[in-house]
Amino acid sequence: MTVNKKKTSSKVTSQAAKILGDKNSSKTAKSLAASALAQSGNKKQTGEEMEDLASTVLNSDKFNSKTKSLAGSVLSQSNKKR
């Protein structure tokens, strides 16, 4: 299996922490934020289900730029073979 060695940047990590602490953030944003935080500082990769969610967010006009930024980060850390 090809391993993607990318990690979440400190800027995205900070943004993700703020989203998780905001009671007004959507469930989708919080899921992406949690995934991004889980991938900071280690070699974890995005799972297939989260890849699908991130792809949906990026292809939709429904989500704001912060959520799309998290989706891009999460998707960039996915398994290259999928």
Protein backbone atom coordinates (compact mmCIF):
# COMPACT_ATOMS: atom_id res chain seq x y z
CA MET A 1 0.00 0.00 0.00
CA THR A 2 1.26 3.47 -0.87
CA VAL A 3 1.44 5.68 2.21
CA ASN A 4 0.71 9.37 2.00
CA LYS A 5 3.10 11.12 4.41
CA LYS A 6 1.37 14.53 4.37
CA LYS A 7 0.31 16.05 7.69
CA THR A 8 -2.19 18.75 8.59
CA SER A 9 -0.58 22.21 8.67
CA SER A 10 -0.60 24.31 11.83
CA LYS A 11 -2.95 26.83 10.17
CA VAL A 12 -5.51 24.13 9.34
CA THR A 13 -5.05 22.52 12.77
CA SER A 14 -5.88 25.84 14.44
CA GLN A 15 -8.90 26.34 12.19
CA ALA A 16 -10.11 22.80 12.91
CA ALA A 17 -9.84 23.32 16.67
CA LYS A 18 -11.93 26.49 16.43
CA ILE A 19 -14.60 24.70 14.39
CA LEU A 20 -14.80 21.85 16.90
CA GLY A 21 -15.28 24.38 19.70
CA ASP A 22 -17.98 26.34 17.88
CA LYS A 23 -21.48 25.17 18.76
CA ASN A 24 -22.78 26.70 15.51
CA SER A 25 -20.50 24.65 13.23
CA SER A 26 -22.20 22.04 11.09
CA LYS A 27 -21.84 18.31 11.66
CA THR A 28 -20.00 18.08 8.34
CA ALA A 29 -17.50 20.79 9.32
CA LYS A 30 -16.91 19.11 12.68
CA SER A 31 -16.34 15.72 11.05
CA LEU A 32 -13.78 17.19 8.66
CA ALA A 33 -12.15 19.14 11.50
CA ALA A 34 -11.83 16.00 13.61
CA SER A 35 -10.28 14.12 10.71
CA ALA A 36 -7.80 16.94 10.04
CA LEU A 37 -6.79 17.05 13.71
CA ALA A 38 -6.38 13.28 13.82
CA GLN A 39 -3.88 13.56 10.97
CA SER A 40 -1.71 16.27 12.52
CA GLY A 41 1.63 15.10 13.80
CA ASN A 42 1.33 11.47 12.73
CA LYS A 43 1.09 9.20 9.69
CA LYS A 44 -2.65 8.57 9.70
CA GLN A 45 -4.42 8.75 6.36
CA THR A 46 -7.93 9.77 5.40
CA GLY A 47 -10.39 6.88 5.30
CA GLU A 48 -12.56 6.14 2.30
CA GLU A 49 -15.75 7.42 3.93
CA MET A 50 -14.11 10.73 4.84
CA GLU A 51 -12.69 11.01 1.32
CA ASP A 52 -16.24 10.78 -0.04
CA LEU A 53 -17.46 13.45 2.38
CA ALA A 54 -14.59 15.78 1.53
CA SER A 55 -15.19 15.31 -2.19
CA THR A 56 -18.89 16.09 -1.76
CA VAL A 57 -18.06 19.28 0.16
CA LEU A 58 -15.60 20.47 -2.48
CA ASN A 59 -18.12 19.88 -5.27
CA SER A 60 -20.96 21.70 -3.53
CA ASP A 61 -21.91 25.38 -3.33
CA LYS A 62 -23.61 24.70 0.01
CA PHE A 63 -20.45 24.87 2.16
CA ASN A 64 -18.35 27.88 3.19
CA SER A 65 -14.67 28.44 2.48
CA LYS A 66 -13.52 27.21 5.91
CA THR A 67 -15.30 23.89 5.48
CA LYS A 68 -13.91 23.58 1.95
CA SER A 69 -10.41 24.29 3.24
CA LEU A 70 -10.72 21.44 5.73
CA ALA A 71 -12.09 19.19 2.99
CA GLY A 72 -9.10 19.98 0.78
CA SER A 73 -6.67 19.23 3.58
CA VAL A 74 -8.37 15.96 4.46
CA LEU A 75 -8.55 14.89 0.81
CA SER A 76 -4.87 15.70 0.21
CA GLN A 77 -3.98 13.21 2.96
CA SER A 78 -5.89 10.32 1.45
CA ASN A 79 -4.47 7.03 0.24
CA LYS A 80 -2.99 7.65 -3.21
CA LYS A 81 -4.19 4.30 -4.54
CA ARG A 82 -7.89 5.01 -3.92
